[in-house]
Amino acid sequence: MKLPPPPPPVHLSTWPDRGSMLADRAMALDVLVRKTLSPGRLLLAWLLTGVFMLGWTFTVLGLQSLAEGGISYVYAAAFLILAAGAVIPSLLGIRSGLRTAREARLRLRLWAALDRGAPADPALRAALRANGAVWFWLLMSLVPCAAALAIGGTTVAGLLTATHAPKDGSGLAYAWGLTAPLAAVGAYGMATPLAHRRRLLSWSSGRA
């Protein structure tokens, strides 16, 4: 879904009347809200996070193979190549997604500020509220948060109850590489709809 362009400056606007402007405004806001809170965006964030976690796993395997030396150098090279093939595209995809989301929020504010009288329009308020999408993002984001808590808690409990120090830090590296991305994508998934609701309240009260 392509983002609608930002509204033209006031001195360049060509709407014949306020009704035409509000119609275009409502359409642009609807597209921007659906883009911001699209379920596909959340699922894509999960996918990219999973690819990054896979790349992290390959990285740890590669470093372990390097430490072993000998013929393991061959395996180390293969693992590190696989790691780069997973980590780099996932990070680029995450950066692109964040950039698109930031641009969508900017255009949403610009279109919302185009007319201060329109918040009284029930249809427009319903489109901006997007209750279904908000709850989808909030509830689904509990899944990676719970997974991060479970992995992190298990790791910490294992370290506290271990009778001997681990031979290397691979276990801790695996745990960190799984816990941190899951916690990050969970926090992002919860922050996005909450920020949208905050912007809606601010805009509706005339402060946006």
C-alpha atoms as a PDB file:
ATOM      1  CA  MET A   1       0.000   0.000   0.000  1.00  0.00           C
ATOM      2  CA  LYS A   2       1.548   3.259  -1.146  1.00  0.00           C
ATOM      3  CA  LEU A   3       1.506   6.238   1.184  1.00  0.00           C
ATOM      4  CA  PRO A   4      -0.654   9.170   0.067  1.00  0.00           C
ATOM      5  CA  PRO A   5       1.347  12.348  -0.499  1.00  0.00           C
ATOM      6  CA  PRO A   6       1.361  15.042   2.195  1.00  0.00           C
ATOM      7  CA  PRO A   7      -1.243  17.789   1.781  1.00  0.00           C
ATOM      8  CA  PRO A   8      -0.185  20.770  -0.324  1.00  0.00           C
ATOM      9  CA  PRO A   9       0.639  24.057   1.389  1.00  0.00           C
ATOM     10  CA  VAL A  10      -2.359  26.297   2.024  1.00  0.00           C
ATOM     11  CA  HIS A  11      -1.352  28.795  -0.651  1.00  0.00           C
ATOM     12  CA  LEU A  12      -1.086  25.991  -3.245  1.00  0.00           C
ATOM     13  CA  SER A  13      -4.250  24.060  -2.386  1.00  0.00           C
ATOM     14  CA  THR A  14      -6.736  23.665  -5.245  1.00  0.00           C
ATOM     15  CA  TRP A  15      -9.826  22.267  -3.499  1.00  0.00           C
ATOM     16  CA  PRO A  16     -12.982  23.996  -4.791  1.00  0.00           C
ATOM     17  CA  ASP A  17     -14.621  23.939  -1.335  1.00  0.00           C
ATOM     18  CA  ARG A  18     -14.182  22.648   2.218  1.00  0.00           C
ATOM     19  CA  GLY A  19     -16.277  19.552   1.536  1.00  0.00           C
ATOM     20  CA  SER A  20     -13.908  18.402  -1.210  1.00  0.00           C
ATOM     21  CA  MET A  21     -10.933  19.013   1.030  1.00  0.00           C
ATOM     22  CA  LEU A  22     -12.488  17.020   3.889  1.00  0.00           C
ATOM     23  CA  ALA A  23     -13.288  14.144   1.535  1.00  0.00           C
ATOM     24  CA  ASP A  24      -9.663  13.933   0.355  1.00  0.00           C
ATOM     25  CA  ARG A  25      -8.498  14.370   3.926  1.00  0.00           C
ATOM     26  CA  ALA A  26     -10.680  11.531   5.205  1.00  0.00           C
ATOM     27  CA  MET A  27      -9.430   9.251   2.420  1.00  0.00           C
ATOM     28  CA  ALA A  28      -5.779  10.070   3.117  1.00  0.00           C
ATOM     29  CA  LEU A  29      -6.186   9.594   6.868  1.00  0.00           C
ATOM     30  CA  ASP A  30      -7.908   6.247   6.364  1.00  0.00           C
ATOM     31  CA  VAL A  31      -5.059   4.983   4.163  1.00  0.00           C
ATOM     32  CA  LEU A  32      -2.410   6.258   6.573  1.00  0.00           C
ATOM     33  CA  VAL A  33      -4.082   4.680   9.605  1.00  0.00           C
ATOM     34  CA  ARG A  34      -4.433   1.342   7.818  1.00  0.00           C
ATOM     35  CA  LYS A  35      -0.790   1.586   6.767  1.00  0.00           C
ATOM     36  CA  THR A  36       0.368   2.425  10.288  1.00  0.00           C
ATOM     37  CA  LEU A  37      -1.660  -0.311  12.001  1.00  0.00           C
ATOM     38  CA  SER A  38      -1.674  -2.927   9.257  1.00  0.00           C
ATOM     39  CA  PRO A  39      -1.548  -6.484  10.687  1.00  0.00           C
ATOM     40  CA  GLY A  40       0.856  -7.306   7.877  1.00  0.00           C
ATOM     41  CA  ARG A  41       3.344  -4.774   9.254  1.00  0.00           C
ATOM     42  CA  LEU A  42       3.372  -6.524  12.616  1.00  0.00           C
ATOM     43  CA  LEU A  43       3.748  -9.957  11.029  1.00  0.00           C
ATOM     44  CA  LEU A  44       6.550  -8.643   8.819  1.00  0.00           C
ATOM     45  CA  ALA A  45       8.298  -7.289  11.910  1.00  0.00           C
ATOM     46  CA  TRP A  46       8.026 -10.754  13.457  1.00  0.00           C
ATOM     47  CA  LEU A  47       9.434 -12.352  10.305  1.00  0.00           C
ATOM     48  CA  LEU A  48      12.397  -9.983  10.144  1.00  0.00           C
ATOM     49  CA  THR A  49      13.037 -10.521  13.854  1.00  0.00           C
ATOM     50  CA  GLY A  50      13.007 -14.282  13.313  1.00  0.00           C
ATOM     51  CA  VAL A  51      15.486 -13.966  10.444  1.00  0.00           C
ATOM     52  CA  PHE A  52      17.757 -11.818  12.631  1.00  0.00           C
ATOM     53  CA  MET A  53      17.581 -14.405  15.414  1.00  0.00           C
ATOM     54  CA  LEU A  54      18.506 -17.119  12.925  1.00  0.00           C
ATOM     55  CA  GLY A  55      21.458 -15.028  11.792  1.00  0.00           C
ATOM     56  CA  TRP A  56      22.529 -14.536  15.405  1.00  0.00           C
ATOM     57  CA  THR A  57      22.445 -18.312  15.915  1.00  0.00           C
ATOM     58  CA  PHE A  58      24.678 -18.814  12.882  1.00  0.00           C
ATOM     59  CA  THR A  59      27.023 -16.147  14.228  1.00  0.00           C
ATOM     60  CA  VAL A  60      27.439 -17.935  17.555  1.00  0.00           C
ATOM     61  CA  LEU A  61      27.983 -21.254  15.768  1.00  0.00           C
ATOM     62  CA  GLY A  62      30.606 -19.624  13.572  1.00  0.00           C
ATOM     63  CA  LEU A  63      32.458 -18.157  16.535  1.00  0.00           C
ATOM     64  CA  GLN A  64      32.369 -21.514  18.299  1.00  0.00           C
ATOM     65  CA  SER A  65      33.856 -23.174  15.228  1.00  0.00           C
ATOM     66  CA  LEU A  66      36.582 -20.528  15.068  1.00  0.00           C
ATOM     67  CA  ALA A  67      37.477 -21.237  18.684  1.00  0.00           C
ATOM     68  CA  GLU A  68      37.791 -24.953  17.956  1.00  0.00           C
ATOM     69  CA  GLY A  69      40.263 -24.366  15.106  1.00  0.00           C
ATOM     70  CA  GLY A  70      41.449 -26.954  12.583  1.00  0.00           C
ATOM     71  CA  ILE A  71      38.909 -28.205  10.102  1.00  0.00           C
ATOM     72  CA  SER A  72      36.267 -26.239  12.013  1.00  0.00           C
ATOM     73  CA  TYR A  73      37.484 -23.107  10.239  1.00  0.00           C
ATOM     74  CA  VAL A  74      35.603 -24.334   7.168  1.00  0.00           C
ATOM     75  CA  TYR A  75      32.405 -24.632   9.161  1.00  0.00           C
ATOM     76  CA  ALA A  76      33.077 -21.252  10.746  1.00  0.00           C
ATOM     77  CA  ALA A  77      33.295 -19.593   7.326  1.00  0.00           C
ATOM     78  CA  ALA A  78      30.054 -21.244   6.213  1.00  0.00           C
ATOM     79  CA  PHE A  79      28.207 -20.271   9.378  1.00  0.00           C
ATOM     80  CA  LEU A  80      29.412 -16.680   9.234  1.00  0.00           C
ATOM     81  CA  ILE A  81      28.391 -16.360   5.574  1.00  0.00           C
ATOM     82  CA  LEU A  82      24.931 -17.655   6.472  1.00  0.00           C
ATOM     83  CA  ALA A  83      24.840 -15.248   9.407  1.00  0.00           C
ATOM     84  CA  ALA A  84      25.621 -12.280   7.169  1.00  0.00           C
ATOM     85  CA  GLY A  85      22.985 -13.439   4.690  1.00  0.00           C
ATOM     86  CA  ALA A  86      20.371 -13.391   7.450  1.00  0.00           C
ATOM     87  CA  VAL A  87      21.393 -10.487   9.677  1.00  0.00           C
ATOM     88  CA  ILE A  88      22.122  -7.851   7.029  1.00  0.00           C
ATOM     89  CA  PRO A  89      18.837  -8.169   5.057  1.00  0.00           C
ATOM     90  CA  SER A  90      16.806  -8.334   8.262  1.00  0.00           C
ATOM     91  CA  LEU A  91      18.398  -5.171   9.637  1.00  0.00           C
ATOM     92  CA  LEU A  92      17.881  -3.384   6.320  1.00  0.00           C
ATOM     93  CA  GLY A  93      14.249  -4.489   6.289  1.00  0.00           C
ATOM     94  CA  ILE A  94      13.722  -3.317   9.869  1.00  0.00           C
ATOM     95  CA  ARG A  95      15.280   0.053   9.072  1.00  0.00           C
ATOM     96  CA  SER A  96      13.094   0.439   5.982  1.00  0.00           C
ATOM     97  CA  GLY A  97       9.971  -0.442   7.953  1.00  0.00           C
ATOM     98  CA  LEU A  98      10.773   2.053  10.700  1.00  0.00           C
ATOM     99  CA  ARG A  99      11.443   4.752   8.110  1.00  0.00           C
ATOM    100  CA  THR A 100       8.114   4.088   6.387  1.00  0.00           C
ATOM    101  CA  ALA A 101       6.271   4.122   9.711  1.00  0.00           C
ATOM    102  CA  ARG A 102       7.878   7.425  10.669  1.00  0.00           C
ATOM    103  CA  GLU A 103       6.899   8.986   7.334  1.00  0.00           C
ATOM    104  CA  ALA A 104       3.335   7.681   7.696  1.00  0.00           C
ATOM    105  CA  ARG A 105       3.055   9.247  11.167  1.00  0.00           C
ATOM    106  CA  LEU A 106       4.368  12.560   9.843  1.00  0.00           C
ATOM    107  CA  ARG A 107       1.847  12.633   6.995  1.00  0.00           C
ATOM    108  CA  LEU A 108      -0.911  11.577   9.381  1.00  0.00           C
ATOM    109  CA  ARG A 109      -0.197  14.614  11.563  1.00  0.00           C
ATOM    110  CA  LEU A 110      -0.098  16.914   8.522  1.00  0.00           C
ATOM    111  CA  TRP A 111      -3.441  15.707   7.184  1.00  0.00           C
ATOM    112  CA  ALA A 112      -5.022  15.763  10.646  1.00  0.00           C
ATOM    113  CA  ALA A 113      -3.903  19.367  11.166  1.00  0.00           C
ATOM    114  CA  LEU A 114      -5.347  20.434   7.813  1.00  0.00           C
ATOM    115  CA  ASP A 115      -8.767  21.173   9.347  1.00  0.00           C
ATOM    116  CA  ARG A 116      -9.581  21.614  13.027  1.00  0.00           C
ATOM    117  CA  GLY A 117     -13.342  21.272  12.728  1.00  0.00           C
ATOM    118  CA  ALA A 118     -13.444  17.758  11.300  1.00  0.00           C
ATOM    119  CA  PRO A 119     -12.980  15.754  14.556  1.00  0.00           C
ATOM    120  CA  ALA A 120     -16.733  16.087  15.064  1.00  0.00           C
ATOM    121  CA  ASP A 121     -17.272  13.810  12.041  1.00  0.00           C
ATOM    122  CA  PRO A 122     -18.230  10.395  13.523  1.00  0.00           C
ATOM    123  CA  ALA A 123     -17.187   8.438  10.441  1.00  0.00           C
ATOM    124  CA  LEU A 124     -13.763  10.048  10.388  1.00  0.00           C
ATOM    125  CA  ARG A 125     -13.261   9.501  14.124  1.00  0.00           C
ATOM    126  CA  ALA A 126     -14.210   5.842  13.732  1.00  0.00           C
ATOM    127  CA  ALA A 127     -11.663   5.407  10.936  1.00  0.00           C
ATOM    128  CA  LEU A 128      -8.920   7.022  13.000  1.00  0.00           C
ATOM    129  CA  ARG A 129      -9.800   5.103  16.150  1.00  0.00           C
ATOM    130  CA  ALA A 130      -9.120   1.730  14.464  1.00  0.00           C
ATOM    131  CA  ASN A 131     -10.063  -0.222  17.572  1.00  0.00           C
ATOM    132  CA  GLY A 132      -9.737  -3.628  15.935  1.00  0.00           C
ATOM    133  CA  ALA A 133      -6.223  -2.977  14.675  1.00  0.00           C
ATOM    134  CA  VAL A 134      -5.173  -1.408  17.969  1.00  0.00           C
ATOM    135  CA  TRP A 135      -6.267  -4.449  19.969  1.00  0.00           C
ATOM    136  CA  PHE A 136      -4.727  -6.823  17.424  1.00  0.00           C
ATOM    137  CA  TRP A 137      -1.333  -5.137  17.808  1.00  0.00           C
ATOM    138  CA  LEU A 138      -1.569  -4.987  21.596  1.00  0.00           C
ATOM    139  CA  LEU A 139      -2.695  -8.567  22.162  1.00  0.00           C
ATOM    140  CA  MET A 140      -0.441 -10.163  19.554  1.00  0.00           C
ATOM    141  CA  SER A 141       2.567  -8.271  20.911  1.00  0.00           C
ATOM    142  CA  LEU A 142       2.131 -10.050  24.214  1.00  0.00           C
ATOM    143  CA  VAL A 143       3.350 -13.232  22.500  1.00  0.00           C
ATOM    144  CA  PRO A 144       6.980 -12.150  21.847  1.00  0.00           C
ATOM    145  CA  CYS A 145       7.055 -10.350  25.200  1.00  0.00           C
ATOM    146  CA  ALA A 146       6.029 -13.555  26.983  1.00  0.00           C
ATOM    147  CA  ALA A 147       8.553 -15.573  24.971  1.00  0.00           C
ATOM    148  CA  ALA A 148      11.336 -13.126  25.854  1.00  0.00           C
ATOM    149  CA  LEU A 149      10.377 -13.277  29.522  1.00  0.00           C
ATOM    150  CA  ALA A 150      10.323 -17.078  29.487  1.00  0.00           C
ATOM    151  CA  ILE A 151      13.705 -17.416  27.776  1.00  0.00           C
ATOM    152  CA  GLY A 152      15.336 -14.724  29.892  1.00  0.00           C
ATOM    153  CA  GLY A 153      13.874 -16.098  33.103  1.00  0.00           C
ATOM    154  CA  THR A 154      14.963 -19.642  32.296  1.00  0.00           C
ATOM    155  CA  THR A 155      18.489 -18.470  31.496  1.00  0.00           C
ATOM    156  CA  VAL A 156      18.814 -16.442  34.679  1.00  0.00           C
ATOM    157  CA  ALA A 157      17.408 -19.293  36.764  1.00  0.00           C
ATOM    158  CA  GLY A 158      19.875 -21.696  35.147  1.00  0.00           C
ATOM    159  CA  LEU A 159      22.811 -19.412  35.906  1.00  0.00           C
ATOM    160  CA  LEU A 160      21.734 -18.953  39.515  1.00  0.00           C
ATOM    161  CA  THR A 161      21.259 -22.655  40.150  1.00  0.00           C
ATOM    162  CA  ALA A 162      24.307 -23.933  38.219  1.00  0.00           C
ATOM    163  CA  THR A 163      26.907 -25.649  40.372  1.00  0.00           C
ATOM    164  CA  HIS A 164      29.699 -25.152  37.858  1.00  0.00           C
ATOM    165  CA  ALA A 165      30.563 -22.167  35.690  1.00  0.00           C
ATOM    166  CA  PRO A 166      29.766 -22.709  31.991  1.00  0.00           C
ATOM    167  CA  LYS A 167      32.690 -23.708  29.807  1.00  0.00           C
ATOM    168  CA  ASP A 168      32.014 -20.847  27.409  1.00  0.00           C
ATOM    169  CA  GLY A 169      29.527 -18.081  26.918  1.00  0.00           C
ATOM    170  CA  SER A 170      27.664 -19.668  24.041  1.00  0.00           C
ATOM    171  CA  GLY A 171      24.607 -20.463  26.144  1.00  0.00           C
ATOM    172  CA  LEU A 172      24.384 -16.895  27.360  1.00  0.00           C
ATOM    173  CA  ALA A 173      24.963 -15.602  23.830  1.00  0.00           C
ATOM    174  CA  TYR A 174      22.145 -17.757  22.483  1.00  0.00           C
ATOM    175  CA  ALA A 175      19.828 -16.561  25.250  1.00  0.00           C
ATOM    176  CA  TRP A 176      20.675 -12.903  24.687  1.00  0.00           C
ATOM    177  CA  GLY A 177      20.281 -13.251  20.912  1.00  0.00           C
ATOM    178  CA  LEU A 178      16.786 -14.667  21.400  1.00  0.00           C
ATOM    179  CA  THR A 179      15.578 -12.571  24.340  1.00  0.00           C
ATOM    180  CA  ALA A 180      16.591  -9.076  23.173  1.00  0.00           C
ATOM    181  CA  PRO A 181      15.008  -9.220  19.672  1.00  0.00           C
ATOM    182  CA  LEU A 182      11.798 -10.748  21.043  1.00  0.00           C
ATOM    183  CA  ALA A 183      11.566  -8.092  23.735  1.00  0.00           C
ATOM    184  CA  ALA A 184      12.283  -5.345  21.174  1.00  0.00           C
ATOM    185  CA  VAL A 185       9.630  -6.453  18.684  1.00  0.00           C
ATOM    186  CA  GLY A 186       7.139  -6.946  21.507  1.00  0.00           C
ATOM    187  CA  ALA A 187       7.783  -3.468  22.880  1.00  0.00           C
ATOM    188  CA  TYR A 188       7.525  -1.987  19.374  1.00  0.00           C
ATOM    189  CA  GLY A 189       4.245  -3.798  18.777  1.00  0.00           C
ATOM    190  CA  MET A 190       2.746  -2.405  21.972  1.00  0.00           C
ATOM    191  CA  ALA A 191       4.129   1.117  21.595  1.00  0.00           C
ATOM    192  CA  THR A 192       2.791   1.609  18.046  1.00  0.00           C
ATOM    193  CA  PRO A 193      -0.969   1.370  18.793  1.00  0.00           C
ATOM    194  CA  LEU A 194      -0.629   3.205  22.118  1.00  0.00           C
ATOM    195  CA  ALA A 195       1.136   6.088  20.349  1.00  0.00           C
ATOM    196  CA  HIS A 196      -1.613   6.116  17.728  1.00  0.00           C
ATOM    197  CA  ARG A 197      -4.316   6.394  20.389  1.00  0.00           C
ATOM    198  CA  ARG A 198      -2.391   9.180  22.109  1.00  0.00           C
ATOM    199  CA  ARG A 199      -2.134  11.078  18.831  1.00  0.00           C
ATOM    200  CA  LEU A 200      -5.860  10.587  18.236  1.00  0.00           C
ATOM    201  CA  LEU A 201      -6.750  11.995  21.643  1.00  0.00           C
ATOM    202  CA  SER A 202      -4.382  14.919  21.157  1.00  0.00           C
ATOM    203  CA  TRP A 203      -5.753  15.665  17.705  1.00  0.00           C
ATOM    204  CA  SER A 204      -9.386  15.334  18.812  1.00  0.00           C
ATOM    205  CA  SER A 205      -8.805  17.827  21.617  1.00  0.00           C
ATOM    206  CA  GLY A 206      -7.268  20.297  19.159  1.00  0.00           C
ATOM    207  CA  ARG A 207      -3.692  20.010  20.436  1.00  0.00           C
ATOM    208  CA  ALA A 208      -2.270  18.102  17.429  1.00  0.00           C
END
